[in-house]
Structure formats: C-alpha cells, structure tokens
PDB file of all heavy atoms in Angstrom:
ATOM      1  N   GLN A   1      10.169 -18.681 -20.693  1.00  0.00           N
ATOM      2  CA  GLN A   1      10.865 -17.638 -20.046  1.00  0.00           C
ATOM      3  C   GLN A   1      10.049 -16.323 -19.992  1.00  0.00           C
ATOM      4  O   GLN A   1      10.094 -15.576 -19.030  1.00  0.00           O
ATOM      5  CB  GLN A   1      12.236 -17.576 -20.643  1.00  0.00           C
ATOM      6  CG  GLN A   1      13.127 -18.707 -20.418  1.00  0.00           C
ATOM      7  CD  GLN A   1      14.474 -18.581 -21.148  1.00  0.00           C
ATOM      8  OE1 GLN A   1      14.600 -17.794 -22.133  1.00  0.00           O
ATOM      9  NE2 GLN A   1      15.418 -19.267 -20.736  1.00  0.00           N
ATOM     10  N   ASN A   2       9.490 -16.003 -21.221  1.00  0.00           N
ATOM     11  CA  ASN A   2       8.710 -14.748 -21.221  1.00  0.00           C
ATOM     12  C   ASN A   2       7.549 -14.717 -20.374  1.00  0.00           C
ATOM     13  O   ASN A   2       7.223 -13.751 -19.721  1.00  0.00           O
ATOM     14  CB  ASN A   2       8.205 -14.542 -22.734  1.00  0.00           C
ATOM     15  CG  ASN A   2       9.304 -14.204 -23.727  1.00  0.00           C
ATOM     16  OD1 ASN A   2      10.400 -13.700 -23.258  1.00  0.00           O
ATOM     17  ND2 ASN A   2       9.166 -14.490 -25.089  1.00  0.00           N
ATOM     18  N   ASN A   3       6.869 -15.886 -20.269  1.00  0.00           N
ATOM     19  CA  ASN A   3       5.668 -15.979 -19.324  1.00  0.00           C
ATOM     20  C   ASN A   3       6.125 -15.851 -17.932  1.00  0.00           C
ATOM     21  O   ASN A   3       5.442 -15.193 -17.080  1.00  0.00           O
ATOM     22  CB  ASN A   3       4.971 -17.370 -19.585  1.00  0.00           C
ATOM     23  CG  ASN A   3       4.230 -17.424 -20.886  1.00  0.00           C
ATOM     24  OD1 ASN A   3       3.829 -16.491 -21.405  1.00  0.00           O
ATOM     25  ND2 ASN A   3       3.931 -18.589 -21.390  1.00  0.00           N
ATOM     26  N   LYS A   4       7.222 -16.437 -17.647  1.00  0.00           N
ATOM     27  CA  LYS A   4       7.771 -16.269 -16.209  1.00  0.00           C
ATOM     28  C   LYS A   4       8.114 -14.846 -15.883  1.00  0.00           C
ATOM     29  O   LYS A   4       7.892 -14.328 -14.884  1.00  0.00           O
ATOM     30  CB  LYS A   4       8.990 -17.269 -16.079  1.00  0.00           C
ATOM     31  CG  LYS A   4       9.517 -17.307 -14.623  1.00  0.00           C
ATOM     32  CD  LYS A   4      10.729 -18.262 -14.540  1.00  0.00           C
ATOM     33  CE  LYS A   4      11.257 -18.324 -13.057  1.00  0.00           C
ATOM     34  NZ  LYS A   4      12.335 -19.271 -13.018  1.00  0.00           N
ATOM     35  N   SER A   5       8.801 -14.188 -16.908  1.00  0.00           N
ATOM     36  CA  SER A   5       9.108 -12.793 -16.669  1.00  0.00           C
ATOM     37  C   SER A   5       7.818 -11.892 -16.468  1.00  0.00           C
ATOM     38  O   SER A   5       7.861 -10.990 -15.619  1.00  0.00           O
ATOM     39  CB  SER A   5       9.961 -12.293 -17.868  1.00  0.00           C
ATOM     40  OG  SER A   5      11.195 -12.999 -17.963  1.00  0.00           O
ATOM     41  N   LYS A   6       6.850 -12.274 -17.337  1.00  0.00           N
ATOM     42  CA  LYS A   6       5.589 -11.456 -17.202  1.00  0.00           C
ATOM     43  C   LYS A   6       4.954 -11.677 -15.752  1.00  0.00           C
ATOM     44  O   LYS A   6       4.435 -10.727 -15.171  1.00  0.00           O
ATOM     45  CB  LYS A   6       4.594 -11.922 -18.243  1.00  0.00           C
ATOM     46  CG  LYS A   6       5.024 -11.367 -19.606  1.00  0.00           C
ATOM     47  CD  LYS A   6       3.931 -11.798 -20.688  1.00  0.00           C
ATOM     48  CE  LYS A   6       4.382 -11.454 -22.068  1.00  0.00           C
ATOM     49  NZ  LYS A   6       3.405 -11.942 -23.103  1.00  0.00           N
ATOM     50  N   LYS A   7       5.068 -12.954 -15.325  1.00  0.00           N
ATOM     51  CA  LYS A   7       4.411 -13.199 -14.061  1.00  0.00           C
ATOM     52  C   LYS A   7       5.111 -12.520 -12.953  1.00  0.00           C
ATOM     53  O   LYS A   7       4.598 -11.984 -11.991  1.00  0.00           O
ATOM     54  CB  LYS A   7       4.419 -14.710 -13.701  1.00  0.00           C
ATOM     55  CG  LYS A   7       3.479 -15.544 -14.646  1.00  0.00           C
ATOM     56  CD  LYS A   7       3.512 -16.974 -14.345  1.00  0.00           C
ATOM     57  CE  LYS A   7       2.451 -17.848 -15.127  1.00  0.00           C
ATOM     58  NZ  LYS A   7       2.647 -19.236 -14.964  1.00  0.00           N
ATOM     59  N   ILE A   8       6.497 -12.493 -13.003  1.00  0.00           N
ATOM     60  CA  ILE A   8       7.299 -11.824 -12.087  1.00  0.00           C
ATOM     61  C   ILE A   8       7.087 -10.313 -12.051  1.00  0.00           C
ATOM     62  O   ILE A   8       6.799  -9.693 -11.022  1.00  0.00           O
ATOM     63  CB  ILE A   8       8.788 -11.998 -12.326  1.00  0.00           C
ATOM     64  CG1 ILE A   8       9.160 -13.496 -11.987  1.00  0.00           C
ATOM     65  CG2 ILE A   8       9.699 -11.101 -11.419  1.00  0.00           C
ATOM     66  CD1 ILE A   8      10.542 -13.939 -12.453  1.00  0.00           C
ATOM     67  N   LEU A   9       6.834  -9.697 -13.170  1.00  0.00           N
ATOM     68  CA  LEU A   9       6.535  -8.301 -13.417  1.00  0.00           C
ATOM     69  C   LEU A   9       5.191  -7.935 -12.764  1.00  0.00           C
ATOM     70  O   LEU A   9       5.048  -6.990 -12.008  1.00  0.00           O
ATOM     71  CB  LEU A   9       6.651  -7.876 -14.777  1.00  0.00           C
ATOM     72  CG  LEU A   9       6.303  -6.399 -15.096  1.00  0.00           C
ATOM     73  CD1 LEU A   9       7.464  -5.484 -14.403  1.00  0.00           C
ATOM     74  CD2 LEU A   9       6.378  -6.064 -16.614  1.00  0.00           C
ATOM     75  N   ILE A  10       4.252  -8.845 -13.043  1.00  0.00           N
ATOM     76  CA  ILE A  10       2.920  -8.550 -12.547  1.00  0.00           C
ATOM     77  C   ILE A  10       2.906  -8.703 -10.999  1.00  0.00           C
ATOM     78  O   ILE A  10       2.332  -7.925 -10.279  1.00  0.00           O
ATOM     79  CB  ILE A  10       1.886  -9.665 -13.189  1.00  0.00           C
ATOM     80  CG1 ILE A  10       1.632  -9.384 -14.521  1.00  0.00           C
ATOM     81  CG2 ILE A  10       0.582  -9.693 -12.367  1.00  0.00           C
ATOM     82  CD1 ILE A  10       0.887 -10.441 -15.317  1.00  0.00           C
ATOM     83  N   PHE A  11       3.646  -9.663 -10.464  1.00  0.00           N
ATOM     84  CA  PHE A  11       3.747  -9.852  -9.020  1.00  0.00           C
ATOM     85  C   PHE A  11       4.416  -8.618  -8.404  1.00  0.00           C
ATOM     86  O   PHE A  11       3.872  -8.090  -7.335  1.00  0.00           O
ATOM     87  CB  PHE A  11       4.586 -11.048  -8.689  1.00  0.00           C
ATOM     88  CG  PHE A  11       4.877 -11.278  -7.285  1.00  0.00           C
ATOM     89  CD1 PHE A  11       3.891 -11.769  -6.463  1.00  0.00           C
ATOM     90  CD2 PHE A  11       5.999 -10.810  -6.647  1.00  0.00           C
ATOM     91  CE1 PHE A  11       4.184 -11.922  -5.017  1.00  0.00           C
ATOM     92  CE2 PHE A  11       6.277 -10.909  -5.334  1.00  0.00           C
ATOM     93  CZ  PHE A  11       5.333 -11.440  -4.585  1.00  0.00           C
ATOM     94  N   ILE A  12       5.391  -8.051  -9.040  1.00  0.00           N
ATOM     95  CA  ILE A  12       6.065  -6.871  -8.423  1.00  0.00           C
ATOM     96  C   ILE A  12       5.142  -5.769  -8.473  1.00  0.00           C
ATOM     97  O   ILE A  12       5.058  -4.976  -7.512  1.00  0.00           O
ATOM     98  CB  ILE A  12       7.314  -6.583  -9.242  1.00  0.00           C
ATOM     99  CG1 ILE A  12       8.376  -7.696  -8.966  1.00  0.00           C
ATOM    100  CG2 ILE A  12       7.869  -5.181  -8.785  1.00  0.00           C
ATOM    101  CD1 ILE A  12       9.638  -7.514  -9.915  1.00  0.00           C
ATOM    102  N   ILE A  13       4.344  -5.492  -9.522  1.00  0.00           N
ATOM    103  CA  ILE A  13       3.465  -4.516  -9.638  1.00  0.00           C
ATOM    104  C   ILE A  13       2.333  -4.566  -8.622  1.00  0.00           C
ATOM    105  O   ILE A  13       1.957  -3.615  -7.970  1.00  0.00           O
ATOM    106  CB  ILE A  13       2.824  -4.342 -11.114  1.00  0.00           C
ATOM    107  CG1 ILE A  13       3.876  -3.956 -12.193  1.00  0.00           C
ATOM    108  CG2 ILE A  13       1.645  -3.400 -11.170  1.00  0.00           C
ATOM    109  CD1 ILE A  13       3.391  -4.071 -13.520  1.00  0.00           C
ATOM    110  N   VAL A  14       1.843  -5.766  -8.428  1.00  0.00           N
ATOM    111  CA  VAL A  14       0.730  -5.923  -7.400  1.00  0.00           C
ATOM    112  C   VAL A  14       1.277  -5.665  -6.070  1.00  0.00           C
ATOM    113  O   VAL A  14       0.597  -5.051  -5.199  1.00  0.00           O
ATOM    114  CB  VAL A  14       0.209  -7.355  -7.606  1.00  0.00           C
ATOM    115  CG1 VAL A  14      -0.795  -7.715  -6.388  1.00  0.00           C
ATOM    116  CG2 VAL A  14      -0.532  -7.570  -8.935  1.00  0.00           C
ATOM    117  N   PHE A  15       2.493  -6.211  -5.728  1.00  0.00           N
ATOM    118  CA  PHE A  15       3.111  -6.014  -4.450  1.00  0.00           C
ATOM    119  C   PHE A  15       3.258  -4.489  -4.156  1.00  0.00           C
ATOM    120  O   PHE A  15       2.968  -3.979  -3.026  1.00  0.00           O
ATOM    121  CB  PHE A  15       4.519  -6.732  -4.433  1.00  0.00           C
ATOM    122  CG  PHE A  15       5.174  -6.460  -3.091  1.00  0.00           C
ATOM    123  CD1 PHE A  15       4.856  -7.191  -1.954  1.00  0.00           C
ATOM    124  CD2 PHE A  15       6.173  -5.503  -2.995  1.00  0.00           C
ATOM    125  CE1 PHE A  15       5.570  -6.998  -0.847  1.00  0.00           C
ATOM    126  CE2 PHE A  15       6.858  -5.243  -1.845  1.00  0.00           C
ATOM    127  CZ  PHE A  15       6.618  -6.064  -0.654  1.00  0.00           C
ATOM    128  N   ILE A  16       3.704  -3.744  -5.153  1.00  0.00           N
ATOM    129  CA  ILE A  16       3.919  -2.272  -4.931  1.00  0.00           C
ATOM    130  C   ILE A  16       2.599  -1.575  -4.690  1.00  0.00           C
ATOM    131  O   ILE A  16       2.463  -0.762  -3.748  1.00  0.00           O
ATOM    132  CB  ILE A  16       4.641  -1.641  -6.247  1.00  0.00           C
ATOM    133  CG1 ILE A  16       6.061  -2.124  -6.221  1.00  0.00           C
ATOM    134  CG2 ILE A  16       4.573  -0.169  -6.081  1.00  0.00           C
ATOM    135  CD1 ILE A  16       6.759  -1.756  -7.545  1.00  0.00           C
ATOM    136  N   LEU A  17       1.561  -2.012  -5.422  1.00  0.00           N
ATOM    137  CA  LEU A  17       0.244  -1.469  -5.260  1.00  0.00           C
ATOM    138  C   LEU A  17      -0.306  -1.721  -3.848  1.00  0.00           C
ATOM    139  O   LEU A  17      -0.878  -0.836  -3.166  1.00  0.00           O
ATOM    140  CB  LEU A  17      -0.810  -1.977  -6.364  1.00  0.00           C
ATOM    141  CG  LEU A  17      -0.592  -1.394  -7.738  1.00  0.00           C
ATOM    142  CD1 LEU A  17      -1.493  -2.061  -8.727  1.00  0.00           C
ATOM    143  CD2 LEU A  17      -0.861   0.144  -7.733  1.00  0.00           C
ATOM    144  N   VAL A  18      -0.239  -2.953  -3.315  1.00  0.00           N
ATOM    145  CA  VAL A  18      -0.695  -3.385  -2.085  1.00  0.00           C
ATOM    146  C   VAL A  18       0.154  -2.555  -0.963  1.00  0.00           C
ATOM    147  O   VAL A  18      -0.505  -2.077   0.004  1.00  0.00           O
ATOM    148  CB  VAL A  18      -0.499  -4.871  -1.858  1.00  0.00           C
ATOM    149  CG1 VAL A  18      -0.757  -5.280  -0.427  1.00  0.00           C
ATOM    150  CG2 VAL A  18      -1.477  -5.594  -2.781  1.00  0.00           C
ATOM    151  N   PHE A  19       1.421  -2.447  -1.166  1.00  0.00           N
ATOM    152  CA  PHE A  19       2.240  -1.730  -0.160  1.00  0.00           C
ATOM    153  C   PHE A  19       1.860  -0.267  -0.084  1.00  0.00           C
ATOM    154  O   PHE A  19       1.663   0.320   1.043  1.00  0.00           O
ATOM    155  CB  PHE A  19       3.734  -1.785  -0.654  1.00  0.00           C
ATOM    156  CG  PHE A  19       4.670  -1.097   0.316  1.00  0.00           C
ATOM    157  CD1 PHE A  19       5.017  -1.639   1.472  1.00  0.00           C
ATOM    158  CD2 PHE A  19       5.193   0.140  -0.030  1.00  0.00           C
ATOM    159  CE1 PHE A  19       5.892  -0.879   2.347  1.00  0.00           C
ATOM    160  CE2 PHE A  19       6.028   0.885   0.742  1.00  0.00           C
ATOM    161  CZ  PHE A  19       6.349   0.311   1.923  1.00  0.00           C
ATOM    162  N   VAL A  20       1.555   0.404  -1.176  1.00  0.00           N
ATOM    163  CA  VAL A  20       1.168   1.825  -1.200  1.00  0.00           C
ATOM    164  C   VAL A  20      -0.141   1.872  -0.548  1.00  0.00           C
ATOM    165  O   VAL A  20      -0.299   2.873   0.208  1.00  0.00           O
ATOM    166  CB  VAL A  20       1.076   2.288  -2.725  1.00  0.00           C
ATOM    167  CG1 VAL A  20       0.429   3.679  -2.765  1.00  0.00           C
ATOM    168  CG2 VAL A  20       2.480   2.371  -3.294  1.00  0.00           C
ATOM    169  N   ILE A  21      -1.194   0.965  -0.842  1.00  0.00           N
ATOM    170  CA  ILE A  21      -2.488   1.092  -0.250  1.00  0.00           C
ATOM    171  C   ILE A  21      -2.359   0.948   1.253  1.00  0.00           C
ATOM    172  O   ILE A  21      -2.936   1.637   2.100  1.00  0.00           O
ATOM    173  CB  ILE A  21      -3.374   0.022  -0.900  1.00  0.00           C
ATOM    174  CG1 ILE A  21      -3.728   0.449  -2.321  1.00  0.00           C
ATOM    175  CG2 ILE A  21      -4.641  -0.095  -0.055  1.00  0.00           C
ATOM    176  CD1 ILE A  21      -4.438  -0.669  -3.019  1.00  0.00           C
ATOM    177  N   VAL A  22      -1.528  -0.014   1.790  1.00  0.00           N
ATOM    178  CA  VAL A  22      -1.353  -0.344   3.146  1.00  0.00           C
ATOM    179  C   VAL A  22      -0.736   0.883   3.913  1.00  0.00           C
ATOM    180  O   VAL A  22      -1.201   1.350   4.930  1.00  0.00           O
ATOM    181  CB  VAL A  22      -0.500  -1.539   3.407  1.00  0.00           C
ATOM    182  CG1 VAL A  22      -0.130  -1.757   4.853  1.00  0.00           C
ATOM    183  CG2 VAL A  22      -1.263  -2.887   2.981  1.00  0.00           C
ATOM    184  N   MET A  23       0.206   1.450   3.326  1.00  0.00           N
ATOM    185  CA  MET A  23       0.859   2.602   3.919  1.00  0.00           C
ATOM    186  C   MET A  23      -0.068   3.784   4.010  1.00  0.00           C
ATOM    187  O   MET A  23      -0.105   4.565   4.963  1.00  0.00           O
ATOM    188  CB  MET A  23       2.155   3.057   3.098  1.00  0.00           C
ATOM    189  CG  MET A  23       3.305   2.040   3.189  1.00  0.00           C
ATOM    190  SD  MET A  23       3.806   1.673   4.955  1.00  0.00           S
ATOM    191  CE  MET A  23       4.521   3.327   5.360  1.00  0.00           C
ATOM    192  N   ALA A  24      -0.840   4.022   2.902  1.00  0.00           N
ATOM    193  CA  ALA A  24      -1.836   5.113   2.919  1.00  0.00           C
ATOM    194  C   ALA A  24      -2.848   4.958   3.999  1.00  0.00           C
ATOM    195  O   ALA A  24      -3.267   5.901   4.704  1.00  0.00           O
ATOM    196  CB  ALA A  24      -2.545   5.182   1.529  1.00  0.00           C
ATOM    197  N   VAL A  25      -3.409   3.675   4.203  1.00  0.00           N
ATOM    198  CA  VAL A  25      -4.360   3.360   5.275  1.00  0.00           C
ATOM    199  C   VAL A  25      -3.734   3.576   6.646  1.00  0.00           C
ATOM    200  O   VAL A  25      -4.359   4.223   7.540  1.00  0.00           O
ATOM    201  CB  VAL A  25      -4.894   1.912   5.178  1.00  0.00           C
ATOM    202  CG1 VAL A  25      -5.648   1.556   6.378  1.00  0.00           C
ATOM    203  CG2 VAL A  25      -5.669   1.757   3.951  1.00  0.00           C
ATOM    204  N   LEU A  26      -2.513   3.086   6.793  1.00  0.00           N
ATOM    205  CA  LEU A  26      -1.775   3.339   8.151  1.00  0.00           C
ATOM    206  C   LEU A  26      -1.678   4.862   8.405  1.00  0.00           C
ATOM    207  O   LEU A  26      -1.751   5.298   9.609  1.00  0.00           O
ATOM    208  CB  LEU A  26      -0.435   2.673   8.162  1.00  0.00           C
ATOM    209  CG  LEU A  26      -0.472   1.193   8.281  1.00  0.00           C
ATOM    210  CD1 LEU A  26       0.958   0.466   8.067  1.00  0.00           C
ATOM    211  CD2 LEU A  26      -1.127   0.728   9.575  1.00  0.00           C
ATOM    212  N   ASN A  27      -1.381   5.642   7.469  1.00  0.00           N
ATOM    213  CA  ASN A  27      -1.043   7.053   7.525  1.00  0.00           C
ATOM    214  C   ASN A  27      -2.409   7.762   8.008  1.00  0.00           C
ATOM    215  O   ASN A  27      -2.418   8.558   8.962  1.00  0.00           O
ATOM    216  CB  ASN A  27      -0.664   7.720   6.258  1.00  0.00           C
ATOM    217  CG  ASN A  27      -0.280   9.065   6.433  1.00  0.00           C
ATOM    218  OD1 ASN A  27       0.486   9.534   7.325  1.00  0.00           O
ATOM    219  ND2 ASN A  27      -0.729   9.896   5.591  1.00  0.00           N
ATOM    220  N   VAL A  28      -3.509   7.465   7.407  1.00  0.00           N
ATOM    221  CA  VAL A  28      -4.829   7.923   7.797  1.00  0.00           C
ATOM    222  C   VAL A  28      -5.138   7.567   9.183  1.00  0.00           C
ATOM    223  O   VAL A  28      -5.607   8.311   9.995  1.00  0.00           O
ATOM    224  CB  VAL A  28      -5.912   7.516   6.865  1.00  0.00           C
ATOM    225  CG1 VAL A  28      -7.262   7.875   7.324  1.00  0.00           C
ATOM    226  CG2 VAL A  28      -5.698   8.060   5.516  1.00  0.00           C
ATOM    227  N   TYR A  29      -4.963   6.257   9.539  1.00  0.00           N
ATOM    228  CA  TYR A  29      -5.260   5.775  11.019  1.00  0.00           C
ATOM    229  C   TYR A  29      -4.403   6.488  11.990  1.00  0.00           C
ATOM    230  O   TYR A  29      -4.853   6.926  13.051  1.00  0.00           O
ATOM    231  CB  TYR A  29      -4.970   4.265  11.020  1.00  0.00           C
ATOM    232  CG  TYR A  29      -5.113   3.690  12.489  1.00  0.00           C
ATOM    233  CD1 TYR A  29      -6.299   3.547  12.965  1.00  0.00           C
ATOM    234  CD2 TYR A  29      -4.003   3.438  13.215  1.00  0.00           C
ATOM    235  CE1 TYR A  29      -6.499   3.108  14.291  1.00  0.00           C
ATOM    236  CE2 TYR A  29      -4.077   2.900  14.417  1.00  0.00           C
ATOM    237  CZ  TYR A  29      -5.398   2.750  15.034  1.00  0.00           C
ATOM    238  OH  TYR A  29      -5.464   2.278  16.262  1.00  0.00           O
ATOM    239  N   ASN A  30      -3.082   6.624  11.809  1.00  0.00           N
ATOM    240  CA  ASN A  30      -2.198   7.335  12.688  1.00  0.00           C
ATOM    241  C   ASN A  30      -2.551   8.816  12.868  1.00  0.00           C
ATOM    242  O   ASN A  30      -2.620   9.323  14.048  1.00  0.00           O
ATOM    243  CB  ASN A  30      -0.796   7.255  12.216  1.00  0.00           C
ATOM    244  CG  ASN A  30      -0.144   5.929  12.283  1.00  0.00           C
ATOM    245  OD1 ASN A  30      -0.578   5.067  13.118  1.00  0.00           O
ATOM    246  ND2 ASN A  30       0.827   5.699  11.439  1.00  0.00           N
ATOM    247  N   LYS A  31      -3.075   9.553  11.876  1.00  0.00           N
ATOM    248  CA  LYS A  31      -3.544  10.824  11.997  1.00  0.00           C
ATOM    249  C   LYS A  31      -4.848  10.917  12.829  1.00  0.00           C
ATOM    250  O   LYS A  31      -4.973  11.869  13.567  1.00  0.00           O
ATOM    251  CB  LYS A  31      -3.729  11.481  10.676  1.00  0.00           C
ATOM    252  CG  LYS A  31      -2.487  11.851   9.898  1.00  0.00           C
ATOM    253  CD  LYS A  31      -2.831  12.472   8.529  1.00  0.00           C
ATOM    254  CE  LYS A  31      -1.537  13.026   7.826  1.00  0.00           C
ATOM    255  NZ  LYS A  31      -1.794  13.693   6.610  1.00  0.00           N
ATOM    256  N   SER A  32      -5.737   9.935  12.586  1.00  0.00           N
ATOM    257  CA  SER A  32      -6.948   9.960  13.373  1.00  0.00           C
ATOM    258  C   SER A  32      -6.745   9.697  14.798  1.00  0.00           C
ATOM    259  O   SER A  32      -7.524  10.162  15.660  1.00  0.00           O
ATOM    260  CB  SER A  32      -7.925   8.930  12.784  1.00  0.00           C
ATOM    261  OG  SER A  32      -7.417   7.661  13.061  1.00  0.00           O
ATOM    262  N   VAL A  33      -5.729   8.845  15.177  1.00  0.00           N
ATOM    263  CA  VAL A  33      -5.351   8.616  16.633  1.00  0.00           C
ATOM    264  C   VAL A  33      -4.782   9.653  17.229  1.00  0.00           C
ATOM    265  O   VAL A  33      -5.016  10.041  18.392  1.00  0.00           O
ATOM    266  CB  VAL A  33      -4.472   7.308  16.675  1.00  0.00           C
ATOM    267  CG1 VAL A  33      -4.108   7.081  18.114  1.00  0.00           C
ATOM    268  CG2 VAL A  33      -5.366   6.098  16.182  1.00  0.00           C
ATOM    269  N   SER A  34      -3.733  10.308  16.581  1.00  0.00           N
ATOM    270  CA  SER A  34      -2.956  11.348  17.195  1.00  0.00           C
ATOM    271  C   SER A  34      -3.541  12.770  17.204  1.00  0.00           C
ATOM    272  O   SER A  34      -3.096  13.589  18.083  1.00  0.00           O
ATOM    273  CB  SER A  34      -1.625  11.459  16.430  1.00  0.00           C
ATOM    274  OG  SER A  34      -1.830  11.856  15.097  1.00  0.00           O
ATOM    275  N   THR A  35      -4.622  12.927  16.511  1.00  0.00           N
ATOM    276  CA  THR A  35      -5.228  14.360  16.441  1.00  0.00           C
ATOM    277  C   THR A  35      -6.522  14.355  17.280  1.00  0.00           C
ATOM    278  O   THR A  35      -7.466  13.576  17.053  1.00  0.00           O
ATOM    279  CB  THR A  35      -5.602  14.753  14.982  1.00  0.00           C
ATOM    280  OG1 THR A  35      -4.451  14.633  14.217  1.00  0.00           O
ATOM    281  CG2 THR A  35      -6.195  16.189  14.983  1.00  0.00           C
ATOM    282  N   PRO A  36      -6.550  15.095  18.470  1.00  0.00           N
ATOM    283  CA  PRO A  36      -7.691  15.180  19.356  1.00  0.00           C
ATOM    284  C   PRO A  36      -8.817  15.994  18.627  1.00  0.00           C
ATOM    285  O   PRO A  36      -8.547  16.920  17.828  1.00  0.00           O
ATOM    286  CB  PRO A  36      -7.234  15.757  20.585  1.00  0.00           C
ATOM    287  CG  PRO A  36      -6.064  16.616  20.060  1.00  0.00           C
ATOM    288  CD  PRO A  36      -5.417  15.865  18.949  1.00  0.00           C
ATOM    289  N   PRO A  37     -10.025  15.769  18.999  1.00  0.00           N
ATOM    290  CA  PRO A  37     -11.128  16.606  18.425  1.00  0.00           C
ATOM    291  C   PRO A  37     -11.083  17.992  19.001  1.00  0.00           C
ATOM    292  O   PRO A  37     -10.490  18.160  20.064  1.00  0.00           O
ATOM    293  CB  PRO A  37     -12.386  15.817  19.043  1.00  0.00           C
ATOM    294  CG  PRO A  37     -11.918  15.083  20.215  1.00  0.00           C
ATOM    295  CD  PRO A  37     -10.513  14.596  19.826  1.00  0.00           C
ATOM    296  N   GLU A  38     -11.513  18.951  18.211  1.00  0.00           N
ATOM    297  CA  GLU A  38     -11.419  20.327  18.698  1.00  0.00           C
ATOM    298  C   GLU A  38     -12.247  20.746  19.916  1.00  0.00           C
ATOM    299  O   GLU A  38     -11.857  21.518  20.702  1.00  0.00           O
ATOM    300  CB  GLU A  38     -11.754  21.192  17.419  1.00  0.00           C
ATOM    301  CG  GLU A  38     -10.679  21.055  16.402  1.00  0.00           C
ATOM    302  CD  GLU A  38     -11.134  22.008  15.107  1.00  0.00           C
ATOM    303  OE1 GLU A  38     -12.061  22.605  15.220  1.00  0.00           O
ATOM    304  OE2 GLU A  38     -10.284  21.948  14.231  1.00  0.00           O
ATOM    305  N   GLU A  39     -13.492  20.183  19.990  1.00  0.00           N
ATOM    306  CA  GLU A  39     -14.323  20.495  21.045  1.00  0.00           C
ATOM    307  C   GLU A  39     -14.784  19.223  21.771  1.00  0.00           C
ATOM    308  O   GLU A  39     -15.700  18.554  21.244  1.00  0.00           O
ATOM    309  CB  GLU A  39     -15.502  21.264  20.539  1.00  0.00           C
ATOM    310  CG  GLU A  39     -15.244  22.739  20.187  1.00  0.00           C
ATOM    311  CD  GLU A  39     -14.911  23.530  21.421  1.00  0.00           C
ATOM    312  OE1 GLU A  39     -15.545  23.359  22.433  1.00  0.00           O
ATOM    313  OE2 GLU A  39     -14.168  24.556  21.181  1.00  0.00           O
TER     314      GLU A  39
END
C-alpha cells in the first residue's frame, strides 16, 4: 500500500511538472506569434 501511494504521489508530481512546462512553452509560442517585429 505504501509503495502504491508513493507511485501515485510520484505520478502526480510528474504530471504537474509536465503540465507546467507545456503551459510555459505554449505561452512563449503565443507571444511570439501575436507580437509583430518592430521594424
């Protein structure tokens, strides 16, 4: 049961990290698309 709980906790942590990274990448991409060059 302890091992199972640890695995679930690790999975949740990894999922959160992946989600944060994906959102950060999308945010950078959207800014690059929506902002025209100055000259």
